PDB file of N, CA and C in Angstrom:
ATOM      1  N   MET A   1       5.190 -12.660   4.027  1.00  0.00           N
ATOM      2  CA  MET A   1       3.931 -12.427   4.351  1.00  0.00           C
ATOM      3  C   MET A   1       3.194 -12.030   2.911  1.00  0.00           C
ATOM      4  N   ASN A   2       2.073 -12.639   2.709  1.00  0.00           N
ATOM      5  CA  ASN A   2       1.361 -12.236   1.507  1.00  0.00           C
ATOM      6  C   ASN A   2       0.098 -11.300   1.829  1.00  0.00           C
ATOM      7  N   ILE A   3      -0.127 -10.383   0.966  1.00  0.00           N
ATOM      8  CA  ILE A   3      -1.307  -9.549   1.025  1.00  0.00           C
ATOM      9  C   ILE A   3      -1.843  -9.389  -0.358  1.00  0.00           C
ATOM     10  N   HIS A   4      -3.093  -8.864  -0.448  1.00  0.00           N
ATOM     11  CA  HIS A   4      -3.669  -8.617  -1.686  1.00  0.00           C
ATOM     12  C   HIS A   4      -3.617  -7.178  -2.081  1.00  0.00           C
ATOM     13  N   VAL A   5      -2.967  -6.860  -3.199  1.00  0.00           N
ATOM     14  CA  VAL A   5      -2.827  -5.531  -3.741  1.00  0.00           C
ATOM     15  C   VAL A   5      -3.553  -5.399  -5.089  1.00  0.00           C
ATOM     16  N   ASN A   6      -4.524  -4.638  -5.149  1.00  0.00           N
ATOM     17  CA  ASN A   6      -5.344  -4.320  -6.372  1.00  0.00           C
ATOM     18  C   ASN A   6      -5.746  -5.751  -6.922  1.00  0.00           C
ATOM     19  N   GLY A   7      -6.139  -6.727  -6.106  1.00  0.00           N
ATOM     20  CA  GLY A   7      -6.636  -7.958  -6.531  1.00  0.00           C
ATOM     21  C   GLY A   7      -5.607  -8.982  -6.827  1.00  0.00           C
ATOM     22  N   LYS A   8      -4.317  -8.730  -6.655  1.00  0.00           N
ATOM     23  CA  LYS A   8      -3.137  -9.658  -6.867  1.00  0.00           C
ATOM     24  C   LYS A   8      -2.501  -9.875  -5.593  1.00  0.00           C
ATOM     25  N   VAL A   9      -1.974 -11.072  -5.448  1.00  0.00           N
ATOM     26  CA  VAL A   9      -1.305 -11.471  -4.278  1.00  0.00           C
ATOM     27  C   VAL A   9       0.170 -11.011  -4.441  1.00  0.00           C
ATOM     28  N   VAL A  10       0.568 -10.292  -3.361  1.00  0.00           N
ATOM     29  CA  VAL A  10       1.910  -9.669  -3.370  1.00  0.00           C
ATOM     30  C   VAL A  10       2.777 -10.185  -2.006  1.00  0.00           C
ATOM     31  N   GLU A  11       3.966 -10.459  -2.236  1.00  0.00           N
ATOM     32  CA  GLU A  11       4.635 -10.800  -1.035  1.00  0.00           C
ATOM     33  C   GLU A  11       5.378  -9.596  -0.481  1.00  0.00           C
ATOM     34  N   CYS A  12       5.228  -9.286   0.740  1.00  0.00           N
ATOM     35  CA  CYS A  12       5.808  -8.161   1.346  1.00  0.00           C
ATOM     36  C   CYS A  12       7.241  -8.445   1.826  1.00  0.00           C
ATOM     37  N   ARG A  13       8.233  -7.513   1.827  1.00  0.00           N
ATOM     38  CA  ARG A  13       9.568  -7.942   2.137  1.00  0.00           C
ATOM     39  C   ARG A  13       9.830  -8.276   3.623  1.00  0.00           C
ATOM     40  N   GLY A  14       9.084  -7.653   4.418  1.00  0.00           N
ATOM     41  CA  GLY A  14       9.322  -7.846   5.835  1.00  0.00           C
ATOM     42  C   GLY A  14       8.086  -8.213   6.594  1.00  0.00           C
ATOM     43  N   GLU A  15       8.153  -8.830   7.725  1.00  0.00           N
ATOM     44  CA  GLU A  15       7.090  -9.318   8.521  1.00  0.00           C
ATOM     45  C   GLU A  15       6.500  -8.063   9.333  1.00  0.00           C
ATOM     46  N   ASP A  16       7.284  -6.943   9.415  1.00  0.00           N
ATOM     47  CA  ASP A  16       6.807  -5.759  10.085  1.00  0.00           C
ATOM     48  C   ASP A  16       6.618  -4.531   9.126  1.00  0.00           C
ATOM     49  N   SER A  17       6.073  -4.948   7.933  1.00  0.00           N
ATOM     50  CA  SER A  17       5.934  -3.934   6.793  1.00  0.00           C
ATOM     51  C   SER A  17       4.880  -2.943   7.108  1.00  0.00           C
ATOM     52  N   THR A  18       5.046  -1.696   6.849  1.00  0.00           N
ATOM     53  CA  THR A  18       3.959  -0.652   6.810  1.00  0.00           C
ATOM     54  C   THR A  18       3.522  -0.377   5.461  1.00  0.00           C
ATOM     55  N   VAL A  19       2.438   0.381   5.362  1.00  0.00           N
ATOM     56  CA  VAL A  19       1.872   0.778   4.089  1.00  0.00           C
ATOM     57  C   VAL A  19       2.992   1.571   3.302  1.00  0.00           C
ATOM     58  N   ALA A  20       3.670   2.384   4.017  1.00  0.00           N
ATOM     59  CA  ALA A  20       4.802   3.220   3.424  1.00  0.00           C
ATOM     60  C   ALA A  20       5.936   2.247   2.804  1.00  0.00           C
ATOM     61  N   ASP A  21       6.315   1.242   3.531  1.00  0.00           N
ATOM     62  CA  ASP A  21       7.090   0.217   2.967  1.00  0.00           C
ATOM     63  C   ASP A  21       6.713  -0.550   1.740  1.00  0.00           C
ATOM     64  N   LEU A  22       5.446  -0.850   1.780  1.00  0.00           N
ATOM     65  CA  LEU A  22       4.845  -1.458   0.629  1.00  0.00           C
ATOM     66  C   LEU A  22       4.899  -0.538  -0.581  1.00  0.00           C
ATOM     67  N   LEU A  23       4.585   0.744  -0.517  1.00  0.00           N
ATOM     68  CA  LEU A  23       4.560   1.728  -1.561  1.00  0.00           C
ATOM     69  C   LEU A  23       5.996   1.828  -2.115  1.00  0.00           C
ATOM     70  N   GLU A  24       6.927   1.880  -1.156  1.00  0.00           N
ATOM     71  CA  GLU A  24       8.302   1.940  -1.587  1.00  0.00           C
ATOM     72  C   GLU A  24       8.808   0.669  -2.354  1.00  0.00           C
ATOM     73  N   GLN A  25       8.380  -0.471  -1.949  1.00  0.00           N
ATOM     74  CA  GLN A  25       8.622  -1.757  -2.570  1.00  0.00           C
ATOM     75  C   GLN A  25       8.095  -1.682  -3.918  1.00  0.00           C
ATOM     76  N   LEU A  26       6.857  -1.203  -4.142  1.00  0.00           N
ATOM     77  CA  LEU A  26       6.145  -1.145  -5.378  1.00  0.00           C
ATOM     78  C   LEU A  26       6.658   0.116  -6.283  1.00  0.00           C
ATOM     79  N   ASP A  27       7.537   0.903  -5.710  1.00  0.00           N
ATOM     80  CA  ASP A  27       7.854   2.101  -6.388  1.00  0.00           C
ATOM     81  C   ASP A  27       6.838   3.059  -6.759  1.00  0.00           C
ATOM     82  N   ILE A  28       5.942   3.274  -5.815  1.00  0.00           N
ATOM     83  CA  ILE A  28       4.832   4.218  -6.031  1.00  0.00           C
ATOM     84  C   ILE A  28       5.122   5.389  -5.162  1.00  0.00           C
ATOM     85  N   ARG A  29       5.031   6.530  -5.636  1.00  0.00           N
ATOM     86  CA  ARG A  29       5.243   7.785  -4.873  1.00  0.00           C
ATOM     87  C   ARG A  29       4.045   8.202  -4.172  1.00  0.00           C
ATOM     88  N   THR A  30       4.206   8.446  -2.909  1.00  0.00           N
ATOM     89  CA  THR A  30       3.031   8.690  -1.995  1.00  0.00           C
ATOM     90  C   THR A  30       2.410  10.041  -2.333  1.00  0.00           C
ATOM     91  N   ARG A  31       3.106  10.941  -2.887  1.00  0.00           N
ATOM     92  CA  ARG A  31       2.563  12.299  -3.144  1.00  0.00           C
ATOM     93  C   ARG A  31       1.318  12.129  -4.181  1.00  0.00           C
ATOM     94  N   PHE A  32       1.350  11.111  -5.076  1.00  0.00           N
ATOM     95  CA  PHE A  32       0.390  10.883  -6.019  1.00  0.00           C
ATOM     96  C   PHE A  32      -0.518   9.611  -5.940  1.00  0.00           C
ATOM     97  N   SER A  33      -0.595   9.207  -4.650  1.00  0.00           N
ATOM     98  CA  SER A  33      -1.359   7.987  -4.368  1.00  0.00           C
ATOM     99  C   SER A  33      -2.409   8.143  -3.294  1.00  0.00           C
ATOM    100  N   VAL A  34      -3.376   7.248  -3.469  1.00  0.00           N
ATOM    101  CA  VAL A  34      -4.436   7.103  -2.465  1.00  0.00           C
ATOM    102  C   VAL A  34      -4.494   5.634  -2.101  1.00  0.00           C
ATOM    103  N   VAL A  35      -4.535   5.184  -0.763  1.00  0.00           N
ATOM    104  CA  VAL A  35      -4.394   3.910  -0.391  1.00  0.00           C
ATOM    105  C   VAL A  35      -5.591   3.738   0.441  1.00  0.00           C
ATOM    106  N   GLU A  36      -6.286   2.424   0.240  1.00  0.00           N
ATOM    107  CA  GLU A  36      -7.338   1.891   1.011  1.00  0.00           C
ATOM    108  C   GLU A  36      -6.869   0.599   1.667  1.00  0.00           C
ATOM    109  N   LEU A  37      -6.863   0.487   2.970  1.00  0.00           N
ATOM    110  CA  LEU A  37      -6.378  -0.726   3.646  1.00  0.00           C
ATOM    111  C   LEU A  37      -7.595  -1.381   4.323  1.00  0.00           C
ATOM    112  N   ASN A  38      -7.999  -2.530   3.820  1.00  0.00           N
ATOM    113  CA  ASN A  38      -9.209  -3.296   4.383  1.00  0.00           C
ATOM    114  C   ASN A  38     -10.462  -2.408   4.404  1.00  0.00           C
ATOM    115  N   ARG A  39     -10.702  -1.698   3.264  1.00  0.00           N
ATOM    116  CA  ARG A  39     -11.807  -0.888   3.054  1.00  0.00           C
ATOM    117  C   ARG A  39     -11.877   0.464   3.837  1.00  0.00           C
ATOM    118  N   LYS A  40     -10.696   0.860   4.326  1.00  0.00           N
ATOM    119  CA  LYS A  40     -10.585   2.142   5.054  1.00  0.00           C
ATOM    120  C   LYS A  40      -9.553   2.985   4.251  1.00  0.00           C
ATOM    121  N   ILE A  41      -9.921   4.229   3.846  1.00  0.00           N
ATOM    122  CA  ILE A  41      -9.026   5.059   3.204  1.00  0.00           C
ATOM    123  C   ILE A  41      -8.103   5.677   4.287  1.00  0.00           C
ATOM    124  N   LEU A  42      -6.809   5.558   3.976  1.00  0.00           N
ATOM    125  CA  LEU A  42      -5.810   6.097   4.825  1.00  0.00           C
ATOM    126  C   LEU A  42      -5.405   7.530   4.478  1.00  0.00           C
ATOM    127  N   ASN A  43      -5.199   8.306   5.487  1.00  0.00           N
ATOM    128  CA  ASN A  43      -4.502   9.680   5.256  1.00  0.00           C
ATOM    129  C   ASN A  43      -3.025   9.356   5.100  1.00  0.00           C
ATOM    130  N   LYS A  44      -2.460  10.153   4.272  1.00  0.00           N
ATOM    131  CA  LYS A  44      -0.912   9.932   3.915  1.00  0.00           C
ATOM    132  C   LYS A  44      -0.204   9.985   5.272  1.00  0.00           C
ATOM    133  N   GLU A  45      -0.526  10.646   6.242  1.00  0.00           N
ATOM    134  CA  GLU A  45       0.159  10.649   7.557  1.00  0.00           C
ATOM    135  C   GLU A  45       0.217   9.201   8.186  1.00  0.00           C
ATOM    136  N   GLU A  46      -0.734   8.371   7.836  1.00  0.00           N
ATOM    137  CA  GLU A  46      -0.887   7.067   8.410  1.00  0.00           C
ATOM    138  C   GLU A  46      -0.114   6.032   7.788  1.00  0.00           C
ATOM    139  N   TYR A  47       0.486   6.280   6.600  1.00  0.00           N
ATOM    140  CA  TYR A  47       1.188   5.296   5.806  1.00  0.00           C
ATOM    141  C   TYR A  47       2.335   4.612   6.556  1.00  0.00           C
ATOM    142  N   ASP A  48       3.076   5.422   7.355  1.00  0.00           N
ATOM    143  CA  ASP A  48       4.204   4.808   8.015  1.00  0.00           C
ATOM    144  C   ASP A  48       3.768   4.234   9.375  1.00  0.00           C
ATOM    145  N   LYS A  49       2.578   4.368   9.728  1.00  0.00           N
ATOM    146  CA  LYS A  49       2.060   3.948  11.117  1.00  0.00           C
ATOM    147  C   LYS A  49       1.224   2.602  10.951  1.00  0.00           C
ATOM    148  N   GLU A  50       0.662   2.480   9.764  1.00  0.00           N
ATOM    149  CA  GLU A  50      -0.243   1.262   9.559  1.00  0.00           C
ATOM    150  C   GLU A  50       0.543   0.002   9.233  1.00  0.00           C
ATOM    151  N   HIS A  51       0.644  -0.952  10.022  1.00  0.00           N
ATOM    152  CA  HIS A  51       1.418  -2.162   9.804  1.00  0.00           C
ATOM    153  C   HIS A  51       0.553  -3.180   9.077  1.00  0.00           C
ATOM    154  N   LEU A  52       1.153  -3.918   8.186  1.00  0.00           N
ATOM    155  CA  LEU A  52       0.325  -4.879   7.309  1.00  0.00           C
ATOM    156  C   LEU A  52       0.447  -6.078   8.051  1.00  0.00           C
ATOM    157  N   GLN A  53      -0.725  -6.966   7.754  1.00  0.00           N
ATOM    158  CA  GLN A  53      -0.763  -8.274   8.323  1.00  0.00           C
ATOM    159  C   GLN A  53      -1.082  -9.206   7.132  1.00  0.00           C
ATOM    160  N   SER A  54      -0.668 -10.457   7.280  1.00  0.00           N
ATOM    161  CA  SER A  54      -0.909 -11.466   6.207  1.00  0.00           C
ATOM    162  C   SER A  54      -2.388 -11.485   5.832  1.00  0.00           C
ATOM    163  N   GLY A  55      -2.744 -11.501   4.598  1.00  0.00           N
ATOM    164  CA  GLY A  55      -4.091 -11.642   4.213  1.00  0.00           C
ATOM    165  C   GLY A  55      -4.795 -10.187   3.989  1.00  0.00           C
ATOM    166  N   ASP A  56      -4.023  -9.043   4.479  1.00  0.00           N
ATOM    167  CA  ASP A  56      -4.699  -7.733   4.308  1.00  0.00           C
ATOM    168  C   ASP A  56      -5.105  -7.549   2.802  1.00  0.00           C
ATOM    169  N   SER A  57      -6.023  -6.644   2.674  1.00  0.00           N
ATOM    170  CA  SER A  57      -6.495  -6.173   1.311  1.00  0.00           C
ATOM    171  C   SER A  57      -6.059  -4.784   1.085  1.00  0.00           C
ATOM    172  N   VAL A  58      -5.307  -4.327   0.050  1.00  0.00           N
ATOM    173  CA  VAL A  58      -4.777  -3.129  -0.076  1.00  0.00           C
ATOM    174  C   VAL A  58      -5.233  -2.637  -1.499  1.00  0.00           C
ATOM    175  N   GLU A  59      -5.817  -1.460  -1.604  1.00  0.00           N
ATOM    176  CA  GLU A  59      -6.185  -1.047  -3.011  1.00  0.00           C
ATOM    177  C   GLU A  59      -5.402   0.348  -3.154  1.00  0.00           C
ATOM    178  N   ILE A  60      -4.736   0.484  -4.134  1.00  0.00           N
ATOM    179  CA  ILE A  60      -3.838   1.707  -4.466  1.00  0.00           C
ATOM    180  C   ILE A  60      -4.179   2.321  -5.728  1.00  0.00           C
ATOM    181  N   VAL A  61      -4.530   3.566  -5.661  1.00  0.00           N
ATOM    182  CA  VAL A  61      -4.810   4.385  -6.905  1.00  0.00           C
ATOM    183  C   VAL A  61      -3.657   5.431  -6.949  1.00  0.00           C
ATOM    184  N   HIS A  62      -3.029   5.402  -8.066  1.00  0.00           N
ATOM    185  CA  HIS A  62      -2.009   6.521  -8.208  1.00  0.00           C
ATOM    186  C   HIS A  62      -2.130   7.169  -9.595  1.00  0.00           C
ATOM    187  N   PHE A  63      -1.797   8.437  -9.461  1.00  0.00           N
ATOM    188  CA  PHE A  63      -2.036   9.302 -10.738  1.00  0.00           C
ATOM    189  C   PHE A  63      -0.797   9.445 -11.496  1.00  0.00           C
ATOM    190  N   VAL A  64      -1.100   9.375 -12.768  1.00  0.00           N
ATOM    191  CA  VAL A  64       0.076   9.369 -13.710  1.00  0.00           C
ATOM    192  C   VAL A  64      -0.220  10.561 -14.718  1.00  0.00           C
ATOM    193  N   GLY A  65       0.667  11.428 -14.991  1.00  0.00           N
ATOM    194  CA  GLY A  65       0.613  12.531 -15.895  1.00  0.00           C
ATOM    195  C   GLY A  65       1.105  12.178 -17.236  1.00  0.00           C
ATOM    196  N   GLY A  66       0.665  12.864 -18.101  1.00  0.00           N
ATOM    197  CA  GLY A  66       0.957  12.651 -19.564  1.00  0.00           C
ATOM    198  C   GLY A  66       0.432  13.580 -20.483  1.00  0.00           C
ATOM    199  N   GLY A  67       0.751  13.403 -21.668  1.00  0.00           N
ATOM    200  CA  GLY A  67       0.248  14.463 -22.581  1.00  0.00           C
ATOM    201  C   GLY A  67       0.134  13.981 -24.012  1.00  0.00           C
TER     202      GLY A  67
END
């Protein structure tokens, strides 16, 4: 299944993937991320409940520390 992540086409590993699965696949820690699914900002509690469908649009912003 292909979805759009930050403007790029990404293939999800499973047909029943959730937003949490996608974040794990992309190695993004949920603690420091904000996810928008089809123009709707999700609460972190929704990441494992929101199932992805082919063609979905996901925008992910994650925060990186440094000095």
